[in-house]
Amino acid sequence: MSDAETIVRNALKSGKYYFGIRRTIKALRKGEAKAVVVSKNCPEEFLNEIKKFKVPVIVFEGTNMQLGEFCRKPFSISSMAILEM
């Protein structure tokens, strides 16, 4: 299991996360996010925006569809804000 998978599993268990690019950026602006998990195909423009906030960015080695499936959600997930590590 990769570091990204471990971090996502722990976040899902704790309930301390947000899904989605807009919600992730909002959490970063508020200072809530301790780290961000992104899919390997996260759009570059959003990845550049996320990197401005100086929090760890962990790349999930799968697509947004695979990240959604890993999180047991019926939708794709490009980014995920982790609120507690």
Foldseek 3Di string as FASTA:
>chain_A
DDPLLVLLVVQLVVVQKDFDLVVQLVCLVVVQFQEKEFEPPQDPVSVVSNVVSPHHYHYDDHFQCVVCVSSVHPDGTGMMGGRDD
